[in-house]
Amino acid sequence: MKTSRPIRARIAPAAILHNYRQAKRHAPQAKAWAVVKANAYGHGQWRAVEALRGEADGFALLECENAVALREAGVTQPILMLEGVFSARDVRAIADHAITTVVHCPEQLDLVLGNRPADKPLSLYLKLNTGMNRLGFTPAKLAEARTTLAQQTGIDLTLMTHFAEADGPRGVAEQLEQFRRMTEGWAAPVCLANSAAILHHPQTHGDWVRPGIMLYGASPFAEISAETLGLQPVMTLESAIIGVQDLAPGDRVGYGGTFTADKPMRIGVVACGYADGYPRHAPSGTPIAVMGRRTKTVGRVSMDMLACDLTDIPDAGIGAPVTLWGQGIAGTVPADEVATAAGTIAYELFCALAQRVPVSLDETLTVNRK
C-alpha cells in the first residue's frame, strides 16, 4: 500500500534470521520451531517464512489454511499447528500435507483419530496441562489418552507443555516436575521451551524449542533488554513531525488536557495515532526519538496523531523524522520500552500494527546465510 502520509513500518528480514540463530545458539542440541502465528506477531507471516525458509527447522502457526498455504508454496520443513484441528476437514488436510498438529483434549484426540485416513501416517504433539490451566490434558485425562494412542499405528508422537512463568521468579521447576510425573515411563521426544525458557532455563530445551517473541527482537523478560540478550529489532515504526506548537506555562495538550506545560515548551505533532496501532493508553513520558535525539510524548494519543517534546531539539520542525519504536534514522527506541511505558508488552504493539500503515522490507541489515 502506498500513501503520502509519512508513517511507515520497516521489517528487517536479516534480523529475524539473526534472532533465530540466537535461539539455536542457546539450545544447540534442539531443533527450533520458528513461531509465525498471528501473522508472525504482526511482522507478516510470509516475510518471516522467506527470511527463514532456508534455515528454520520448522514453522509453527495456528490456522490449517495457513499451514496448507505454506506447503503449497513449497515449504518443505515440518509445520506445526499450535492449537490443533477444529474439523474433520482439517484432519484430512494435515494428513494430505504432512502437517503436524497439537492435540490438547480428549475431544480433539477423538476428532483426529476418528477422521484420519487409514493409509497415511500422522505426526501429533500431545499437549499436557502442567499448571498453566489453559490447554492440555490433565493427569486425570491423560491415562485414557495414553492407552488410546498405544493402540494406534502410524503415529509419530511428541510430548509438549507450555510454561506460564518462565519469565518470572517462580520459573519452570514446578511445571517441569509435573511434566516428568505425567510422562514417567513414556519414551517420546519432548517440546517444552518458549523464548523465556530457551534463554534462561536450559534444562527445558529437550528435542524441540519454540522461539516466538525473541524472533522479532523483543525481550520476554521485563527486567532484561533485548539488546542485552543479543537480539536485533525487526520492526521499526517511523513517521515525521507534521505540526509544531509553542506553549506557555499552563498551556495544555491534547484531548482532556492531560498534559500541562510547567515552562515554555515547543512540541511536535507526529503523524501516528491509535488507529495506526500506537497504544492509546501510552502516557506522557513514553519514549520517542526525533532527529537522532531521544525525547518523550506529551498528552493523550489521538486517533491519527500524538505529540512529543521538541524543547531541547531546536532544529526539529515539520518533516523531521521520528522513530516510534525500533531502529530508525531518527534514533533507536526499543519496543520493550514503549510497551513498558504503556503498561503492555511488545507482543501487543507488534500485533496491533494497523493495516493502513505501509510496510516495507529493510535490507540495510545483512546476515551471512551460513
Protein backbone atom coordinates (compact mmCIF):
# COMPACT_ATOMS: atom_id res chain seq x y z
CA MET A 1 0.00 0.00 0.00
CA LYS A 2 1.25 3.48 -0.89
CA THR A 3 0.30 6.64 0.96
CA SER A 4 1.62 10.19 1.09
CA ARG A 5 1.23 10.21 4.88
CA PRO A 6 4.71 9.82 6.35
CA ILE A 7 4.08 6.91 8.70
CA ARG A 8 5.58 3.55 7.71
CA ALA A 9 6.87 0.31 9.20
CA ARG A 10 10.08 -1.34 8.09
CA ILE A 11 10.75 -5.05 8.61
CA ALA A 12 14.35 -6.35 8.65
CA PRO A 13 14.41 -9.98 7.45
CA ALA A 14 18.08 -10.34 8.38
CA ALA A 15 17.21 -9.52 11.99
CA ILE A 16 14.69 -12.38 12.05
CA LEU A 17 17.41 -14.74 10.86
CA HIS A 18 19.88 -13.35 13.41
CA ASN A 19 17.39 -13.81 16.25
CA TYR A 20 16.53 -17.34 15.15
CA ARG A 21 20.22 -18.16 15.25
CA GLN A 22 20.39 -16.74 18.76
CA ALA A 23 17.71 -19.23 19.80
CA LYS A 24 19.71 -22.04 18.21
CA ARG A 25 22.88 -20.91 20.00
CA HIS A 26 21.12 -21.10 23.34
CA ALA A 27 19.65 -24.55 22.59
CA PRO A 28 22.28 -26.13 20.34
CA GLN A 29 21.08 -29.70 20.82
CA ALA A 30 17.46 -28.97 19.99
CA LYS A 31 15.59 -28.23 16.82
CA ALA A 32 13.65 -24.96 16.78
CA TRP A 33 10.16 -24.17 15.58
CA ALA A 34 10.02 -20.63 14.20
CA VAL A 35 6.72 -19.41 15.61
CA VAL A 36 4.94 -17.37 12.92
CA LYS A 37 1.44 -17.33 14.41
CA ALA A 38 -0.60 -14.10 14.48
CA ASN A 39 0.85 -13.08 11.11
CA ALA A 40 4.34 -13.55 12.57
CA TYR A 41 3.46 -11.37 15.57
CA GLY A 42 2.35 -8.62 13.21
CA HIS A 43 5.51 -8.73 11.06
CA GLY A 44 3.98 -10.65 8.16
CA GLN A 45 3.88 -14.43 8.01
CA TRP A 46 5.34 -14.61 4.52
CA ARG A 47 8.12 -12.15 5.32
CA ALA A 48 9.17 -14.26 8.29
CA VAL A 49 8.93 -17.51 6.35
CA GLU A 50 11.02 -16.14 3.49
CA ALA A 51 13.62 -14.85 5.95
CA LEU A 52 13.94 -18.33 7.48
CA ARG A 53 12.96 -20.62 4.62
CA GLY A 54 16.46 -22.00 4.12
CA GLU A 55 17.32 -22.33 7.78
CA ALA A 56 14.38 -22.91 10.12
CA ASP A 57 13.90 -26.44 11.37
CA GLY A 58 10.15 -25.91 11.17
CA PHE A 59 7.35 -23.34 11.33
CA ALA A 60 4.62 -23.15 13.97
CA LEU A 61 1.29 -21.36 13.50
CA LEU A 62 -2.41 -21.74 14.22
CA GLU A 63 -4.62 -22.00 11.16
CA CYS A 64 -4.88 -25.07 8.97
CA GLU A 65 -5.38 -22.95 5.84
CA ASN A 66 -2.13 -21.10 6.51
CA ALA A 67 -0.29 -24.35 7.10
CA VAL A 68 -1.57 -25.75 3.80
CA ALA A 69 -0.62 -22.50 2.04
CA LEU A 70 2.96 -22.90 3.24
CA ARG A 71 3.08 -26.41 1.80
CA GLU A 72 1.60 -25.27 -1.49
CA ALA A 73 4.23 -22.51 -1.61
CA GLY A 74 6.97 -25.11 -1.46
CA VAL A 75 7.87 -25.05 2.23
CA THR A 76 9.27 -28.50 2.96
CA GLN A 77 10.18 -28.15 6.64
CA PRO A 78 7.88 -29.52 9.34
CA ILE A 79 4.84 -27.36 10.10
CA LEU A 80 3.13 -27.41 13.49
CA MET A 81 -0.43 -26.25 14.26
CA LEU A 82 -0.26 -24.97 17.83
CA GLU A 83 -3.97 -25.10 18.68
CA GLY A 84 -4.67 -28.25 16.76
CA VAL A 85 -7.51 -29.08 14.39
CA PHE A 86 -11.10 -27.86 14.51
CA SER A 87 -12.87 -30.04 11.96
CA ALA A 88 -12.74 -33.33 10.07
CA ARG A 89 -11.67 -31.33 7.04
CA ASP A 90 -8.64 -30.10 8.98
CA VAL A 91 -7.69 -33.68 9.83
CA ARG A 92 -7.77 -34.74 6.20
CA ALA A 93 -5.75 -31.65 5.22
CA ILE A 94 -2.98 -32.26 7.73
CA ALA A 95 -2.72 -35.88 6.65
CA ASP A 96 -2.61 -34.95 2.97
CA HIS A 97 0.06 -32.27 3.51
CA ALA A 98 2.17 -33.93 6.21
CA ILE A 99 1.40 -31.24 8.79
CA THR A 100 1.95 -31.85 12.48
CA THR A 101 -0.84 -30.92 14.88
CA VAL A 102 -1.16 -30.38 18.59
CA VAL A 103 -3.82 -32.41 20.36
CA HIS A 104 -4.81 -30.86 23.68
CA CYS A 105 -8.02 -32.55 24.87
CA PRO A 106 -9.92 -35.86 24.57
CA GLU A 107 -12.44 -34.37 22.16
CA GLN A 108 -9.69 -33.24 19.82
CA LEU A 109 -7.98 -36.60 20.01
CA ASP A 110 -11.27 -38.29 19.09
CA LEU A 111 -11.68 -35.89 16.16
CA VAL A 112 -8.22 -36.72 14.84
CA LEU A 113 -8.40 -40.47 15.29
CA GLY A 114 -11.96 -40.66 14.01
CA ASN A 115 -11.16 -38.90 10.74
CA ARG A 116 -7.57 -39.84 9.94
CA PRO A 117 -7.06 -41.51 6.58
CA ALA A 118 -6.17 -45.13 7.20
CA ASP A 119 -3.32 -45.13 4.70
CA LYS A 120 -1.45 -42.03 5.94
CA PRO A 121 0.78 -41.50 8.98
CA LEU A 122 0.17 -38.69 11.42
CA SER A 123 2.51 -36.54 13.47
CA LEU A 124 0.96 -35.42 16.75
CA TYR A 125 2.07 -33.19 19.61
CA LEU A 126 0.24 -34.26 22.75
CA LYS A 127 -0.10 -31.19 24.96
CA LEU A 128 -0.10 -31.66 28.72
CA ASN A 129 -1.53 -29.24 31.26
CA THR A 130 1.22 -28.95 33.85
CA GLY A 131 -0.14 -25.93 35.69
CA MET A 132 -0.90 -23.13 33.24
CA ASN A 133 -4.52 -24.34 33.06
CA ARG A 134 -5.15 -23.09 29.58
CA LEU A 135 -4.91 -26.03 27.15
CA GLY A 136 -3.67 -29.55 27.67
CA PHE A 137 -4.51 -32.97 29.11
CA THR A 138 -4.73 -33.06 32.89
CA PRO A 139 -3.32 -36.05 34.77
CA ALA A 140 -6.87 -37.37 35.22
CA LYS A 141 -7.49 -37.41 31.45
CA LEU A 142 -4.05 -38.41 30.29
CA ALA A 143 -4.19 -42.09 31.21
CA GLU A 144 -7.03 -42.85 28.79
CA ALA A 145 -5.35 -40.87 26.03
CA ARG A 146 -2.14 -42.76 26.61
CA THR A 147 -3.94 -46.08 26.34
CA THR A 148 -5.76 -44.99 23.18
CA LEU A 149 -2.57 -43.83 21.48
CA ALA A 150 -0.78 -47.05 22.39
CA GLN A 151 -3.35 -48.91 20.29
CA GLN A 152 -2.71 -46.77 17.21
CA THR A 153 -0.21 -47.36 14.43
CA GLY A 154 1.36 -44.84 12.11
CA ILE A 155 1.50 -42.05 14.67
CA ASP A 156 4.69 -40.10 15.39
CA LEU A 157 4.17 -38.67 18.88
CA THR A 158 5.88 -35.77 20.67
CA LEU A 159 5.01 -34.61 24.19
CA MET A 160 4.71 -30.91 24.95
CA THR A 161 3.68 -28.39 27.56
CA HIS A 162 3.75 -24.60 27.91
CA PHE A 163 5.33 -22.65 30.76
CA ALA A 164 3.33 -19.90 32.45
CA GLU A 165 6.16 -18.26 34.38
CA ALA A 166 9.42 -18.97 32.56
CA ASP A 167 9.95 -15.20 32.51
CA GLY A 168 9.35 -14.72 36.24
CA PRO A 169 10.80 -15.57 39.64
CA ARG A 170 8.84 -18.82 40.03
CA GLY A 171 10.41 -20.15 36.89
CA VAL A 172 9.71 -23.60 35.50
CA ALA A 173 10.66 -26.06 38.24
CA GLU A 174 7.12 -26.88 39.40
CA GLN A 175 5.72 -27.35 35.93
CA LEU A 176 8.76 -29.29 34.78
CA GLU A 177 8.40 -31.69 37.69
CA GLN A 178 4.72 -32.15 36.90
CA PHE A 179 5.61 -32.89 33.29
CA ARG A 180 8.08 -35.52 34.43
CA ARG A 181 5.50 -37.15 36.66
CA MET A 182 2.91 -37.20 33.90
CA THR A 183 5.28 -38.69 31.31
CA GLU A 184 7.07 -41.20 33.50
CA GLY A 185 7.95 -44.31 31.51
CA TRP A 186 6.88 -42.70 28.24
CA ALA A 187 9.65 -42.69 25.64
CA ALA A 188 8.89 -39.88 23.21
CA PRO A 189 10.52 -36.64 22.07
CA VAL A 190 9.60 -33.53 24.05
CA CYS A 191 8.94 -29.88 23.17
CA LEU A 192 8.80 -27.54 26.15
CA ALA A 193 10.67 -24.25 25.87
CA ASN A 194 9.26 -20.92 24.77
CA SER A 195 11.50 -17.85 24.30
CA ALA A 196 11.98 -17.22 28.02
CA ALA A 197 12.79 -20.84 28.74
CA ILE A 198 15.19 -21.03 25.80
CA LEU A 199 17.15 -18.10 27.20
CA HIS A 200 17.05 -18.84 30.94
CA HIS A 201 16.16 -22.48 31.57
CA PRO A 202 18.43 -24.81 29.57
CA GLN A 203 17.05 -27.87 31.40
CA THR A 204 13.85 -27.41 29.36
CA HIS A 205 15.37 -27.48 25.89
CA GLY A 206 14.52 -31.09 25.08
CA ASP A 207 14.19 -32.12 21.45
CA TRP A 208 12.39 -29.06 20.09
CA VAL A 209 12.11 -25.45 21.29
CA ARG A 210 9.60 -22.78 20.27
CA PRO A 211 11.13 -19.29 19.89
CA GLY A 212 8.37 -16.72 19.49
CA ILE A 213 8.78 -13.12 20.65
CA MET A 214 12.59 -13.37 20.60
CA LEU A 215 12.45 -13.96 16.84
CA TYR A 216 11.07 -10.46 16.44
CA GLY A 217 13.71 -8.73 18.54
CA ALA A 218 11.83 -8.16 21.80
CA SER A 219 12.73 -9.49 25.22
CA PRO A 220 10.49 -11.97 27.06
CA PHE A 221 11.79 -10.52 30.35
CA ALA A 222 10.62 -7.27 31.91
CA GLU A 223 13.99 -6.60 33.50
CA ILE A 224 16.37 -7.63 30.68
CA SER A 225 16.64 -5.72 27.43
CA ALA A 226 16.58 -7.33 24.02
CA GLU A 227 19.98 -5.79 23.30
CA THR A 228 21.45 -7.47 26.39
CA LEU A 229 20.11 -10.77 25.08
CA GLY A 230 21.81 -10.21 21.72
CA LEU A 231 18.54 -9.71 19.85
CA GLN A 232 18.05 -7.28 16.99
CA PRO A 233 14.86 -5.26 16.41
CA VAL A 234 12.91 -6.48 13.40
CA MET A 235 10.13 -3.90 13.16
CA THR A 236 10.74 -0.15 13.07
CA LEU A 237 7.75 2.18 13.17
CA GLU A 238 8.63 5.61 11.77
CA SER A 239 6.86 8.83 10.95
CA ALA A 240 7.53 12.56 10.85
CA ILE A 241 6.62 15.83 12.52
CA ILE A 242 3.60 17.39 10.78
CA GLY A 243 3.00 20.32 13.09
CA VAL A 244 4.76 22.42 15.74
CA GLN A 245 3.29 24.42 18.63
CA ASP A 246 4.92 26.80 21.11
CA LEU A 247 3.49 26.53 24.61
CA ALA A 248 3.47 28.95 27.50
CA PRO A 249 3.40 27.73 31.11
CA GLY A 250 -0.10 26.50 31.87
CA ASP A 251 -0.97 25.52 28.28
CA ARG A 252 -2.47 22.08 27.93
CA VAL A 253 -2.04 19.48 25.20
CA GLY A 254 -4.50 17.13 23.53
CA TYR A 255 -7.87 15.64 24.40
CA GLY A 256 -8.73 16.06 28.04
CA GLY A 257 -5.81 18.40 28.59
CA THR A 258 -3.96 15.65 30.42
CA PHE A 259 -0.58 17.36 29.99
CA THR A 260 0.08 20.89 31.24
CA ALA A 261 3.27 22.75 30.40
CA ASP A 262 5.14 23.92 33.51
CA LYS A 263 7.54 26.07 31.46
CA PRO A 264 7.84 27.45 27.93
CA MET A 265 7.85 24.42 25.63
CA ARG A 266 7.95 23.52 21.98
CA ILE A 267 6.02 20.45 20.94
CA GLY A 268 5.81 18.49 17.72
CA VAL A 269 2.78 16.70 16.35
CA VAL A 270 3.57 13.28 14.86
CA ALA A 271 1.54 11.50 12.18
CA CYS A 272 0.87 8.41 14.28
CA GLY A 273 -2.07 7.52 16.50
CA TYR A 274 -4.01 4.63 17.91
CA ALA A 275 -5.60 3.95 14.50
CA ASP A 276 -2.07 3.13 13.32
CA GLY A 277 -1.55 0.72 16.21
CA TYR A 278 0.20 3.00 18.68
CA PRO A 279 -1.22 2.34 22.16
CA ARG A 280 -3.83 4.94 23.12
CA HIS A 281 -3.07 4.40 26.79
CA ALA A 282 0.62 5.33 26.39
CA PRO A 283 1.07 8.17 28.93
CA SER A 284 3.04 11.38 28.71
CA GLY A 285 6.70 10.49 29.03
CA THR A 286 6.64 7.47 26.70
CA PRO A 287 10.00 7.40 24.87
CA ILE A 288 10.25 8.55 21.27
CA ALA A 289 13.13 9.73 19.07
CA VAL A 290 13.29 12.78 16.79
CA MET A 291 16.25 13.59 14.53
CA GLY A 292 18.54 11.24 16.46
CA ARG A 293 17.55 12.57 19.89
CA ARG A 294 15.53 10.75 22.49
CA THR A 295 12.59 12.68 23.88
CA LYS A 296 9.11 11.89 25.24
CA THR A 297 5.47 12.04 24.27
CA VAL A 298 3.16 14.60 25.83
CA GLY A 299 -0.61 14.46 26.20
CA ARG A 300 -3.11 11.85 25.15
CA VAL A 301 -2.60 9.78 21.99
CA SER A 302 -5.26 10.66 19.38
CA MET A 303 -6.62 8.51 16.57
CA ASP A 304 -4.17 9.85 13.98
CA MET A 305 -1.65 11.94 15.92
CA LEU A 306 0.42 12.20 19.05
CA ALA A 307 2.58 14.98 20.45
CA CYS A 308 6.18 14.97 21.64
CA ASP A 309 8.52 17.40 23.38
CA LEU A 310 10.83 19.29 21.00
CA THR A 311 12.03 21.86 23.53
CA ASP A 312 15.58 20.50 23.53
CA ILE A 313 15.62 19.68 19.81
CA PRO A 314 15.51 23.18 18.29
CA ASP A 315 16.34 22.02 14.76
CA ALA A 316 13.30 19.72 14.61
CA GLY A 317 10.49 21.18 12.52
CA ILE A 318 7.87 19.98 10.10
CA GLY A 319 9.19 16.97 8.22
CA ALA A 320 11.68 15.95 10.91
CA PRO A 321 11.98 12.15 11.08
CA VAL A 322 10.55 10.30 14.10
CA THR A 323 11.11 6.79 15.42
CA LEU A 324 8.14 5.46 17.40
CA TRP A 325 9.87 2.17 18.11
CA GLY A 326 12.68 0.16 16.58
CA GLN A 327 15.93 1.25 14.99
CA GLY A 328 15.30 4.11 12.59
CA ILE A 329 17.07 7.06 11.03
CA ALA A 330 15.66 9.26 13.79
CA GLY A 331 17.15 7.10 16.55
CA THR A 332 16.61 3.84 18.41
CA VAL A 333 13.66 3.27 20.73
CA PRO A 334 13.29 -0.33 21.93
CA ALA A 335 9.73 -1.57 21.55
CA ASP A 336 10.00 -3.05 25.02
CA GLU A 337 10.49 0.44 26.49
CA VAL A 338 7.44 1.81 24.71
CA ALA A 339 5.40 -1.19 25.83
CA THR A 340 6.52 -0.86 29.45
CA ALA A 341 5.63 2.83 29.49
CA ALA A 342 2.19 1.96 28.09
CA GLY A 343 1.62 -0.82 30.60
CA THR A 344 1.66 -3.57 28.00
CA ILE A 345 4.12 -5.85 26.21
CA ALA A 346 5.88 -5.65 22.87
CA TYR A 347 3.79 -8.57 21.59
CA GLU A 348 0.73 -6.31 21.66
CA LEU A 349 2.49 -3.41 19.95
CA PHE A 350 3.60 -5.61 17.06
CA CYS A 351 0.29 -7.42 16.65
CA ALA A 352 -1.69 -4.16 16.77
CA LEU A 353 0.06 -2.56 13.80
CA ALA A 354 -2.81 -1.33 11.63
CA GLN A 355 -3.38 -2.36 8.02
CA ARG A 356 -3.29 1.27 6.93
CA VAL A 357 0.41 1.54 7.86
CA PRO A 358 2.59 0.85 4.79
CA VAL A 359 5.16 -1.89 5.37
CA SER A 360 8.41 -2.33 3.50
CA LEU A 361 11.49 -4.53 3.82
CA ASP A 362 14.63 -3.08 5.36
CA GLU A 363 17.59 -4.66 3.59
CA THR A 364 20.24 -2.46 5.23
CA LEU A 365 21.00 -5.14 7.82
CA THR A 366 22.61 -8.25 6.38
CA VAL A 367 23.49 -11.61 7.88
CA ASN A 368 25.51 -14.37 6.30
CA ARG A 369 23.25 -17.25 5.43
CA LYS A 370 25.70 -19.74 6.89
